[in-house]
Amino acid sequence: MNFYQVHYTDPGKLKKRFGLQHELESRYDLQYPINIEREYKRLGSDLQLDFDKWAEAFIVDAITALHSGNPIPELPVYSPQIDIEARMAALSALLTRFSIRQWRLAVKRTLGIDINIDYYKSMLAIYMREWALEQEELVRQKIEEIREELNTVLCEEPEINDAGAPELIPIVETADKTRSSTNTAISFFAVNAVGVAYSDIIEQLCRDAEVGKYKWITRPYASKAGTRPDHAKLHGTKHKWDTPPVINLKTGETGNPGDDYNCHCIASPIFPNPFLAGAILSNITASVERRLRRR
């Protein structure tokens, strides 16, 4: 169905909004879901504490075995005490609500249309479910990689010092560094996964509304790393989803806002005038007439 059929539209009011303009830029500045990114990072912090607690006892046992010359016990499989599946499902739900709320504000303030929230929840359901499963798998794989790396560190033969005793301090330091990398690894996932997903969602919502263009909005100091110079140059420029601009002048890489790692730039929708397409106008009129007949 057409966007204007799904959402109740008053043709007269909509026509006044556009006037003689071919398109309308969004009158609401979409926000970046920074709080959801922080929630994802909080999962990393919680897993770090859980993994540290689990690994500490085995590191002590391994060092004791090395010191006494006994065989080193192999690390068992790590079973997180944190429900990663539930946490990812919660993040997915948060991102869905946030994205729809941002879209609702953009459509309402620009077109004066109240969107059907359930329509968008249904549209995004499969994508967000797959996103949550993918992120859960990435986190579990990374934790297992860290566990295997820690096991390798503890199983290495220590160097023997002049007194004939094993040098244990380097092993302890390497083991501590390895086990403490959980939070960093998951934070790395967070800054990329949330931005890319949000960009994908906004693109889906735009395409559903036949919005093929957007204005690139760069958020100054959106991240600790600062704004990329190539992205800063794109601020305020207009582009099509199907022909994204160059986002890296050195490599020639192209992309839409959010495609680059840790990119907090936003694609602000540019709504085309539906009255320039007779088919769309007839759909609006037919939709209104059907609703009036039901009353």
C-alpha atoms as a PDB file:
ATOM      1  CA  MET A   1       0.000   0.000   0.000  1.00  0.00           C
ATOM      2  CA  ASN A   2       0.995   3.606  -0.522  1.00  0.00           C
ATOM      3  CA  PHE A   3       2.387   5.572   2.462  1.00  0.00           C
ATOM      4  CA  TYR A   4      -0.516   8.018   2.254  1.00  0.00           C
ATOM      5  CA  GLN A   5      -3.043   5.176   2.227  1.00  0.00           C
ATOM      6  CA  VAL A   6      -1.604   3.563   5.338  1.00  0.00           C
ATOM      7  CA  HIS A   7      -1.659   6.803   7.321  1.00  0.00           C
ATOM      8  CA  TYR A   8      -4.764   8.993   7.329  1.00  0.00           C
ATOM      9  CA  THR A   9      -4.011  12.073   5.234  1.00  0.00           C
ATOM     10  CA  ASP A  10      -6.013  15.237   4.660  1.00  0.00           C
ATOM     11  CA  PRO A  11      -5.226  16.195   1.018  1.00  0.00           C
ATOM     12  CA  GLY A  12      -6.079  19.856   1.564  1.00  0.00           C
ATOM     13  CA  LYS A  13      -3.793  20.302   4.556  1.00  0.00           C
ATOM     14  CA  LEU A  14      -1.010  18.337   2.889  1.00  0.00           C
ATOM     15  CA  LYS A  15      -1.257  20.448  -0.256  1.00  0.00           C
ATOM     16  CA  LYS A  16      -0.880  23.622   1.833  1.00  0.00           C
ATOM     17  CA  ARG A  17       2.257  22.157   3.427  1.00  0.00           C
ATOM     18  CA  PHE A  18       3.942  21.718   0.068  1.00  0.00           C
ATOM     19  CA  GLY A  19       2.507  24.657  -1.816  1.00  0.00           C
ATOM     20  CA  LEU A  20       4.496  24.953  -5.041  1.00  0.00           C
ATOM     21  CA  GLN A  21       7.581  23.241  -3.604  1.00  0.00           C
ATOM     22  CA  HIS A  22       8.764  20.017  -5.197  1.00  0.00           C
ATOM     23  CA  GLU A  23       9.999  18.681  -1.863  1.00  0.00           C
ATOM     24  CA  LEU A  24      10.082  19.444   1.851  1.00  0.00           C
ATOM     25  CA  GLU A  25      13.096  18.995   4.086  1.00  0.00           C
ATOM     26  CA  SER A  26      12.342  17.487   7.473  1.00  0.00           C
ATOM     27  CA  ARG A  27      11.336  20.094  10.024  1.00  0.00           C
ATOM     28  CA  TYR A  28      12.595  17.884  12.821  1.00  0.00           C
ATOM     29  CA  ASP A  29      16.263  17.057  13.387  1.00  0.00           C
ATOM     30  CA  LEU A  30      16.543  13.309  13.856  1.00  0.00           C
ATOM     31  CA  GLN A  31      18.619  12.400  16.902  1.00  0.00           C
ATOM     32  CA  TYR A  32      21.291   9.714  17.171  1.00  0.00           C
ATOM     33  CA  PRO A  33      20.462   6.844  19.594  1.00  0.00           C
ATOM     34  CA  ILE A  34      23.463   7.505  21.835  1.00  0.00           C
ATOM     35  CA  ASN A  35      21.717   6.155  24.947  1.00  0.00           C
ATOM     36  CA  ILE A  36      21.115   2.816  23.222  1.00  0.00           C
ATOM     37  CA  GLU A  37      24.780   2.667  22.269  1.00  0.00           C
ATOM     38  CA  ARG A  38      25.621   3.261  25.937  1.00  0.00           C
ATOM     39  CA  GLU A  39      23.286   0.440  26.979  1.00  0.00           C
ATOM     40  CA  TYR A  40      25.118  -1.893  24.611  1.00  0.00           C
ATOM     41  CA  LYS A  41      28.428  -0.792  26.150  1.00  0.00           C
ATOM     42  CA  ARG A  42      26.973  -1.395  29.619  1.00  0.00           C
ATOM     43  CA  LEU A  43      26.426  -5.001  28.592  1.00  0.00           C
ATOM     44  CA  GLY A  44      30.157  -5.141  27.871  1.00  0.00           C
ATOM     45  CA  SER A  45      30.951  -3.797  31.342  1.00  0.00           C
ATOM     46  CA  ASP A  46      28.636  -6.326  32.989  1.00  0.00           C
ATOM     47  CA  LEU A  47      30.114  -9.214  31.009  1.00  0.00           C
ATOM     48  CA  GLN A  48      33.606  -8.019  31.904  1.00  0.00           C
ATOM     49  CA  LEU A  49      32.812  -8.253  35.622  1.00  0.00           C
ATOM     50  CA  ASP A  50      31.212 -11.668  35.159  1.00  0.00           C
ATOM     51  CA  PHE A  51      34.116 -12.989  33.072  1.00  0.00           C
ATOM     52  CA  ASP A  52      36.697 -11.619  35.530  1.00  0.00           C
ATOM     53  CA  LYS A  53      34.992 -13.345  38.429  1.00  0.00           C
ATOM     54  CA  TRP A  54      34.898 -16.627  36.495  1.00  0.00           C
ATOM     55  CA  ALA A  55      38.485 -16.449  35.219  1.00  0.00           C
ATOM     56  CA  GLU A  56      40.172 -15.272  38.413  1.00  0.00           C
ATOM     57  CA  ALA A  57      40.008 -18.624  40.168  1.00  0.00           C
ATOM     58  CA  PHE A  58      41.406 -20.498  37.165  1.00  0.00           C
ATOM     59  CA  ILE A  59      44.244 -18.026  36.715  1.00  0.00           C
ATOM     60  CA  VAL A  60      45.243 -18.531  40.353  1.00  0.00           C
ATOM     61  CA  ASP A  61      45.109 -22.330  39.918  1.00  0.00           C
ATOM     62  CA  ALA A  62      47.205 -22.135  36.730  1.00  0.00           C
ATOM     63  CA  ILE A  63      49.869 -19.926  38.316  1.00  0.00           C
ATOM     64  CA  THR A  64      49.998 -22.203  41.355  1.00  0.00           C
ATOM     65  CA  ALA A  65      50.471 -25.216  39.065  1.00  0.00           C
ATOM     66  CA  LEU A  66      53.235 -23.449  37.122  1.00  0.00           C
ATOM     67  CA  HIS A  67      54.994 -22.502  40.333  1.00  0.00           C
ATOM     68  CA  SER A  68      54.910 -26.073  41.618  1.00  0.00           C
ATOM     69  CA  GLY A  69      55.714 -27.656  38.253  1.00  0.00           C
ATOM     70  CA  ASN A  70      52.381 -29.461  37.994  1.00  0.00           C
ATOM     71  CA  PRO A  71      50.240 -29.774  34.825  1.00  0.00           C
ATOM     72  CA  ILE A  72      48.143 -26.689  34.111  1.00  0.00           C
ATOM     73  CA  PRO A  73      44.371 -27.279  34.184  1.00  0.00           C
ATOM     74  CA  GLU A  74      42.586 -26.291  30.977  1.00  0.00           C
ATOM     75  CA  LEU A  75      40.001 -23.554  31.240  1.00  0.00           C
ATOM     76  CA  PRO A  76      36.449 -24.936  31.095  1.00  0.00           C
ATOM     77  CA  VAL A  77      33.744 -23.503  28.844  1.00  0.00           C
ATOM     78  CA  TYR A  78      32.568 -20.118  30.080  1.00  0.00           C
ATOM     79  CA  SER A  79      28.816 -19.863  30.714  1.00  0.00           C
ATOM     80  CA  PRO A  80      27.835 -16.231  31.316  1.00  0.00           C
ATOM     81  CA  GLN A  81      25.609 -15.559  34.298  1.00  0.00           C
ATOM     82  CA  ILE A  82      24.154 -12.664  32.297  1.00  0.00           C
ATOM     83  CA  ASP A  83      21.268 -13.373  29.917  1.00  0.00           C
ATOM     84  CA  ILE A  84      22.813 -12.071  26.687  1.00  0.00           C
ATOM     85  CA  GLU A  85      19.782 -13.070  24.622  1.00  0.00           C
ATOM     86  CA  ALA A  86      17.408 -11.075  26.826  1.00  0.00           C
ATOM     87  CA  ARG A  87      19.718  -8.056  26.896  1.00  0.00           C
ATOM     88  CA  MET A  88      19.978  -8.011  23.103  1.00  0.00           C
ATOM     89  CA  ALA A  89      16.220  -8.386  22.729  1.00  0.00           C
ATOM     90  CA  ALA A  90      15.790  -5.411  25.069  1.00  0.00           C
ATOM     91  CA  LEU A  91      18.279  -3.349  23.032  1.00  0.00           C
ATOM     92  CA  SER A  92      16.429  -4.281  19.849  1.00  0.00           C
ATOM     93  CA  ALA A  93      13.118  -3.139  21.346  1.00  0.00           C
ATOM     94  CA  LEU A  94      14.672   0.134  22.532  1.00  0.00           C
ATOM     95  CA  LEU A  95      16.134   0.856  19.110  1.00  0.00           C
ATOM     96  CA  THR A  96      12.823   0.056  17.413  1.00  0.00           C
ATOM     97  CA  ARG A  97      10.869   2.423  19.671  1.00  0.00           C
ATOM     98  CA  PHE A  98      13.477   5.161  19.378  1.00  0.00           C
ATOM     99  CA  SER A  99      13.594   4.953  15.565  1.00  0.00           C
ATOM    100  CA  ILE A 100       9.806   4.995  15.164  1.00  0.00           C
ATOM    101  CA  ARG A 101       9.522   7.916  17.581  1.00  0.00           C
ATOM    102  CA  GLN A 102      12.084   9.899  15.606  1.00  0.00           C
ATOM    103  CA  TRP A 103      10.301   9.115  12.339  1.00  0.00           C
ATOM    104  CA  ARG A 104       6.943  10.037  13.840  1.00  0.00           C
ATOM    105  CA  LEU A 105       8.248  13.468  14.863  1.00  0.00           C
ATOM    106  CA  ALA A 106       9.778  14.068  11.431  1.00  0.00           C
ATOM    107  CA  VAL A 107       6.570  13.107   9.586  1.00  0.00           C
ATOM    108  CA  LYS A 108       4.266  14.979  11.965  1.00  0.00           C
ATOM    109  CA  ARG A 109       6.204  18.237  11.958  1.00  0.00           C
ATOM    110  CA  THR A 110       6.888  18.167   8.239  1.00  0.00           C
ATOM    111  CA  LEU A 111       3.717  16.693   6.724  1.00  0.00           C
ATOM    112  CA  GLY A 112       1.257  17.033   9.600  1.00  0.00           C
ATOM    113  CA  ILE A 113       0.518  13.295   9.440  1.00  0.00           C
ATOM    114  CA  ASP A 114       0.098  11.017  12.472  1.00  0.00           C
ATOM    115  CA  ILE A 115       1.733   7.730  11.548  1.00  0.00           C
ATOM    116  CA  ASN A 116       0.462   4.255  12.435  1.00  0.00           C
ATOM    117  CA  ILE A 117       2.918   3.024  15.085  1.00  0.00           C
ATOM    118  CA  ASP A 118       1.875  -0.644  14.778  1.00  0.00           C
ATOM    119  CA  TYR A 119       2.473  -0.519  11.034  1.00  0.00           C
ATOM    120  CA  TYR A 120       6.137   0.322  11.608  1.00  0.00           C
ATOM    121  CA  LYS A 121       6.589  -2.153  14.439  1.00  0.00           C
ATOM    122  CA  SER A 122       5.423  -4.884  12.077  1.00  0.00           C
ATOM    123  CA  MET A 123       7.659  -3.598   9.274  1.00  0.00           C
ATOM    124  CA  LEU A 124      10.807  -3.618  11.416  1.00  0.00           C
ATOM    125  CA  ALA A 125      10.095  -6.781  13.419  1.00  0.00           C
ATOM    126  CA  ILE A 126      12.064  -9.254  11.265  1.00  0.00           C
ATOM    127  CA  TYR A 127      15.026  -6.944  10.746  1.00  0.00           C
ATOM    128  CA  MET A 128      15.347  -6.160  14.452  1.00  0.00           C
ATOM    129  CA  ARG A 129      14.943  -9.802  15.464  1.00  0.00           C
ATOM    130  CA  GLU A 130      17.771 -10.786  13.112  1.00  0.00           C
ATOM    131  CA  TRP A 131      19.875  -7.873  14.361  1.00  0.00           C
ATOM    132  CA  ALA A 132      19.502  -9.026  17.979  1.00  0.00           C
ATOM    133  CA  LEU A 133      20.435 -12.614  17.078  1.00  0.00           C
ATOM    134  CA  GLU A 134      23.445 -11.462  15.067  1.00  0.00           C
ATOM    135  CA  GLN A 135      24.718  -9.263  17.895  1.00  0.00           C
ATOM    136  CA  GLU A 136      24.237 -12.041  20.437  1.00  0.00           C
ATOM    137  CA  GLU A 137      26.270 -14.408  18.262  1.00  0.00           C
ATOM    138  CA  LEU A 138      29.047 -11.829  17.810  1.00  0.00           C
ATOM    139  CA  VAL A 139      29.315 -11.265  21.560  1.00  0.00           C
ATOM    140  CA  ARG A 140      29.369 -14.987  22.347  1.00  0.00           C
ATOM    141  CA  GLN A 141      32.017 -15.634  19.680  1.00  0.00           C
ATOM    142  CA  LYS A 142      34.215 -12.839  20.989  1.00  0.00           C
ATOM    143  CA  ILE A 143      33.991 -14.082  24.577  1.00  0.00           C
ATOM    144  CA  GLU A 144      34.946 -17.582  23.434  1.00  0.00           C
ATOM    145  CA  GLU A 145      37.913 -16.173  21.491  1.00  0.00           C
ATOM    146  CA  ILE A 146      39.091 -14.382  24.620  1.00  0.00           C
ATOM    147  CA  ARG A 147      38.661 -17.559  26.683  1.00  0.00           C
ATOM    148  CA  GLU A 148      40.733 -19.564  24.176  1.00  0.00           C
ATOM    149  CA  GLU A 149      43.397 -16.860  24.089  1.00  0.00           C
ATOM    150  CA  LEU A 150      43.542 -16.828  27.887  1.00  0.00           C
ATOM    151  CA  ASN A 151      43.898 -20.598  27.934  1.00  0.00           C
ATOM    152  CA  THR A 152      46.789 -20.367  25.447  1.00  0.00           C
ATOM    153  CA  VAL A 153      48.539 -17.762  27.601  1.00  0.00           C
ATOM    154  CA  LEU A 154      48.262 -19.886  30.733  1.00  0.00           C
ATOM    155  CA  CYS A 155      49.459 -23.038  28.960  1.00  0.00           C
ATOM    156  CA  GLU A 156      52.672 -21.448  27.650  1.00  0.00           C
ATOM    157  CA  GLU A 157      55.898 -22.708  29.118  1.00  0.00           C
ATOM    158  CA  PRO A 158      57.354 -19.986  31.375  1.00  0.00           C
ATOM    159  CA  GLU A 159      60.920 -18.809  31.052  1.00  0.00           C
ATOM    160  CA  ILE A 160      63.297 -20.009  33.760  1.00  0.00           C
ATOM    161  CA  ASN A 161      65.282 -17.386  35.656  1.00  0.00           C
ATOM    162  CA  ASP A 162      68.845 -17.621  36.928  1.00  0.00           C
ATOM    163  CA  ALA A 163      67.640 -19.176  40.154  1.00  0.00           C
ATOM    164  CA  GLY A 164      66.006 -22.005  38.221  1.00  0.00           C
ATOM    165  CA  ALA A 165      62.475 -20.837  39.017  1.00  0.00           C
ATOM    166  CA  PRO A 166      59.767 -20.061  36.437  1.00  0.00           C
ATOM    167  CA  GLU A 167      59.163 -16.400  35.543  1.00  0.00           C
ATOM    168  CA  LEU A 168      55.469 -16.060  36.391  1.00  0.00           C
ATOM    169  CA  ILE A 169      54.998 -12.275  36.419  1.00  0.00           C
ATOM    170  CA  PRO A 170      54.938 -11.918  32.581  1.00  0.00           C
ATOM    171  CA  ILE A 171      52.318 -14.677  32.353  1.00  0.00           C
ATOM    172  CA  VAL A 172      50.158 -13.092  35.042  1.00  0.00           C
ATOM    173  CA  GLU A 173      50.367  -9.686  33.324  1.00  0.00           C
ATOM    174  CA  THR A 174      49.470 -11.128  29.917  1.00  0.00           C
ATOM    175  CA  ALA A 175      46.605 -13.161  31.408  1.00  0.00           C
ATOM    176  CA  ASP A 176      45.175 -10.087  33.157  1.00  0.00           C
ATOM    177  CA  LYS A 177      45.443  -8.034  29.954  1.00  0.00           C
ATOM    178  CA  THR A 178      43.722 -10.771  27.943  1.00  0.00           C
ATOM    179  CA  ARG A 179      40.792 -11.281  30.298  1.00  0.00           C
ATOM    180  CA  SER A 180      40.233  -7.533  30.641  1.00  0.00           C
ATOM    181  CA  SER A 181      39.708  -7.112  26.876  1.00  0.00           C
ATOM    182  CA  THR A 182      36.074  -8.244  27.002  1.00  0.00           C
ATOM    183  CA  ASN A 183      34.647  -4.787  27.681  1.00  0.00           C
ATOM    184  CA  THR A 184      36.788  -3.174  24.963  1.00  0.00           C
ATOM    185  CA  ALA A 185      35.756  -5.762  22.378  1.00  0.00           C
ATOM    186  CA  ILE A 186      32.039  -5.401  23.060  1.00  0.00           C
ATOM    187  CA  SER A 187      32.272  -1.596  23.124  1.00  0.00           C
ATOM    188  CA  PHE A 188      33.789  -1.900  19.648  1.00  0.00           C
ATOM    189  CA  PHE A 189      30.705  -3.813  18.539  1.00  0.00           C
ATOM    190  CA  ALA A 190      28.377  -1.270  20.155  1.00  0.00           C
ATOM    191  CA  VAL A 191      29.613   1.846  18.378  1.00  0.00           C
ATOM    192  CA  ASN A 192      29.335   0.121  15.016  1.00  0.00           C
ATOM    193  CA  ALA A 193      26.218  -2.016  15.401  1.00  0.00           C
ATOM    194  CA  VAL A 194      23.879   0.673  16.719  1.00  0.00           C
ATOM    195  CA  GLY A 195      24.874   3.284  14.134  1.00  0.00           C
ATOM    196  CA  VAL A 196      24.582   0.911  11.196  1.00  0.00           C
ATOM    197  CA  ALA A 197      21.238  -0.487  12.388  1.00  0.00           C
ATOM    198  CA  TYR A 198      19.807   2.986  12.923  1.00  0.00           C
ATOM    199  CA  SER A 199      20.932   4.043   9.452  1.00  0.00           C
ATOM    200  CA  ASP A 200      19.349   0.928   7.951  1.00  0.00           C
ATOM    201  CA  ILE A 201      16.078   1.574   9.784  1.00  0.00           C
ATOM    202  CA  ILE A 202      15.850   5.198   8.672  1.00  0.00           C
ATOM    203  CA  GLU A 203      16.530   4.103   5.099  1.00  0.00           C
ATOM    204  CA  GLN A 204      13.752   1.480   5.313  1.00  0.00           C
ATOM    205  CA  LEU A 205      11.290   4.040   6.660  1.00  0.00           C
ATOM    206  CA  CYS A 206      12.249   6.547   3.978  1.00  0.00           C
ATOM    207  CA  ARG A 207      11.921   4.076   1.127  1.00  0.00           C
ATOM    208  CA  ASP A 208       8.537   2.938   2.423  1.00  0.00           C
ATOM    209  CA  ALA A 209       7.388   6.565   2.209  1.00  0.00           C
ATOM    210  CA  GLU A 210       8.934   6.939  -1.264  1.00  0.00           C
ATOM    211  CA  VAL A 211      11.554   9.292   0.189  1.00  0.00           C
ATOM    212  CA  GLY A 212      14.554   8.749  -2.052  1.00  0.00           C
ATOM    213  CA  LYS A 213      16.622  11.745  -0.922  1.00  0.00           C
ATOM    214  CA  TYR A 214      18.086  12.966   2.337  1.00  0.00           C
ATOM    215  CA  LYS A 215      20.203  15.784   3.700  1.00  0.00           C
ATOM    216  CA  TRP A 216      23.475  14.779   5.368  1.00  0.00           C
ATOM    217  CA  ILE A 217      23.619  16.087   8.942  1.00  0.00           C
ATOM    218  CA  THR A 218      26.936  15.922  10.761  1.00  0.00           C
ATOM    219  CA  ARG A 219      26.835  16.136  14.534  1.00  0.00           C
ATOM    220  CA  PRO A 220      29.848  18.124  15.800  1.00  0.00           C
ATOM    221  CA  TYR A 221      31.751  16.211  18.486  1.00  0.00           C
ATOM    222  CA  ALA A 222      29.240  13.378  18.296  1.00  0.00           C
ATOM    223  CA  SER A 223      31.940  10.945  19.410  1.00  0.00           C
ATOM    224  CA  LYS A 224      35.167  11.170  21.372  1.00  0.00           C
ATOM    225  CA  ALA A 225      37.110  10.709  18.161  1.00  0.00           C
ATOM    226  CA  GLY A 226      35.511  13.869  16.750  1.00  0.00           C
ATOM    227  CA  THR A 227      33.977  14.372  13.331  1.00  0.00           C
ATOM    228  CA  ARG A 228      35.797  13.012  10.294  1.00  0.00           C
ATOM    229  CA  PRO A 229      36.853  15.878   7.991  1.00  0.00           C
ATOM    230  CA  ASP A 230      35.359  14.098   4.982  1.00  0.00           C
ATOM    231  CA  HIS A 231      32.032  13.769   6.812  1.00  0.00           C
ATOM    232  CA  ALA A 232      32.118  17.373   8.007  1.00  0.00           C
ATOM    233  CA  LYS A 233      32.361  18.494   4.379  1.00  0.00           C
ATOM    234  CA  LEU A 234      29.138  16.623   3.621  1.00  0.00           C
ATOM    235  CA  HIS A 235      27.104  18.489   6.242  1.00  0.00           C
ATOM    236  CA  GLY A 236      24.013  20.049   4.661  1.00  0.00           C
ATOM    237  CA  THR A 237      24.507  18.375   1.284  1.00  0.00           C
ATOM    238  CA  LYS A 238      21.679  16.428  -0.377  1.00  0.00           C
ATOM    239  CA  HIS A 239      21.991  12.885  -1.690  1.00  0.00           C
ATOM    240  CA  LYS A 240      19.988   9.899  -2.884  1.00  0.00           C
ATOM    241  CA  TRP A 241      19.946   6.600  -1.022  1.00  0.00           C
ATOM    242  CA  ASP A 242      20.810   4.745  -4.218  1.00  0.00           C
ATOM    243  CA  THR A 243      23.802   6.977  -5.046  1.00  0.00           C
ATOM    244  CA  PRO A 244      25.571   7.687  -1.747  1.00  0.00           C
ATOM    245  CA  PRO A 245      28.400  10.243  -1.601  1.00  0.00           C
ATOM    246  CA  VAL A 246      32.109   9.624  -1.144  1.00  0.00           C
ATOM    247  CA  ILE A 247      32.771   9.354   2.596  1.00  0.00           C
ATOM    248  CA  ASN A 248      36.512   8.740   2.343  1.00  0.00           C
ATOM    249  CA  LEU A 249      38.377  10.898  -0.160  1.00  0.00           C
ATOM    250  CA  LYS A 250      41.550   8.804   0.119  1.00  0.00           C
ATOM    251  CA  THR A 251      39.943   5.460  -0.704  1.00  0.00           C
ATOM    252  CA  GLY A 252      36.962   6.695  -2.719  1.00  0.00           C
ATOM    253  CA  GLU A 253      34.611   4.704  -0.492  1.00  0.00           C
ATOM    254  CA  THR A 254      30.965   5.724  -0.703  1.00  0.00           C
ATOM    255  CA  GLY A 255      28.245   5.397   1.884  1.00  0.00           C
ATOM    256  CA  ASN A 256      25.207   6.850   3.572  1.00  0.00           C
ATOM    257  CA  PRO A 257      25.193   8.362   7.087  1.00  0.00           C
ATOM    258  CA  GLY A 258      25.947   5.711   9.691  1.00  0.00           C
ATOM    259  CA  ASP A 259      27.636   3.305   7.271  1.00  0.00           C
ATOM    260  CA  ASP A 260      31.161   4.191   8.438  1.00  0.00           C
ATOM    261  CA  TYR A 261      32.516   2.829  11.715  1.00  0.00           C
ATOM    262  CA  ASN A 262      31.499   4.977  14.713  1.00  0.00           C
ATOM    263  CA  CYS A 263      29.673   7.415  12.412  1.00  0.00           C
ATOM    264  CA  HIS A 264      27.000   9.435  14.213  1.00  0.00           C
ATOM    265  CA  CYS A 265      25.904  11.392  11.153  1.00  0.00           C
ATOM    266  CA  ILE A 266      22.193  11.471  10.336  1.00  0.00           C
ATOM    267  CA  ALA A 267      20.199  11.178   7.105  1.00  0.00           C
ATOM    268  CA  SER A 268      17.486  13.829   7.399  1.00  0.00           C
ATOM    269  CA  PRO A 269      14.577  12.877   5.079  1.00  0.00           C
ATOM    270  CA  ILE A 270      13.510  15.073   2.176  1.00  0.00           C
ATOM    271  CA  PHE A 271       9.834  14.378   1.396  1.00  0.00           C
ATOM    272  CA  PRO A 272       8.775  14.606  -2.259  1.00  0.00           C
ATOM    273  CA  ASN A 273       5.602  16.473  -3.189  1.00  0.00           C
ATOM    274  CA  PRO A 274       2.969  13.727  -3.722  1.00  0.00           C
ATOM    275  CA  PHE A 275       0.729  16.046  -5.723  1.00  0.00           C
ATOM    276  CA  LEU A 276       3.223  16.018  -8.573  1.00  0.00           C
ATOM    277  CA  ALA A 277       2.279  12.368  -9.142  1.00  0.00           C
ATOM    278  CA  GLY A 278      -1.344  11.882 -10.107  1.00  0.00           C
ATOM    279  CA  ALA A 279      -1.385   8.251  -9.022  1.00  0.00           C
ATOM    280  CA  ILE A 280      -0.336   9.183  -5.499  1.00  0.00           C
ATOM    281  CA  LEU A 281      -2.922  11.955  -5.326  1.00  0.00           C
ATOM    282  CA  SER A 282      -5.682   9.575  -6.394  1.00  0.00           C
ATOM    283  CA  ASN A 283      -4.554   7.112  -3.715  1.00  0.00           C
ATOM    284  CA  ILE A 284      -4.824   9.838  -1.070  1.00  0.00           C
ATOM    285  CA  THR A 285      -8.289  10.855  -2.249  1.00  0.00           C
ATOM    286  CA  ALA A 286      -9.500   7.248  -2.397  1.00  0.00           C
ATOM    287  CA  SER A 287      -8.181   6.591   1.086  1.00  0.00           C
ATOM    288  CA  VAL A 288     -10.003   9.611   2.516  1.00  0.00           C
ATOM    289  CA  GLU A 289     -13.240   8.668   0.745  1.00  0.00           C
ATOM    290  CA  ARG A 290     -13.111   5.122   2.144  1.00  0.00           C
ATOM    291  CA  ARG A 291     -12.625   6.424   5.670  1.00  0.00           C
ATOM    292  CA  LEU A 292     -15.535   8.876   5.282  1.00  0.00           C
ATOM    293  CA  ARG A 293     -17.838   6.088   4.096  1.00  0.00           C
ATOM    294  CA  ARG A 294     -17.065   4.082   7.236  1.00  0.00           C
ATOM    295  CA  ARG A 295     -18.262   6.914   9.489  1.00  0.00           C
END
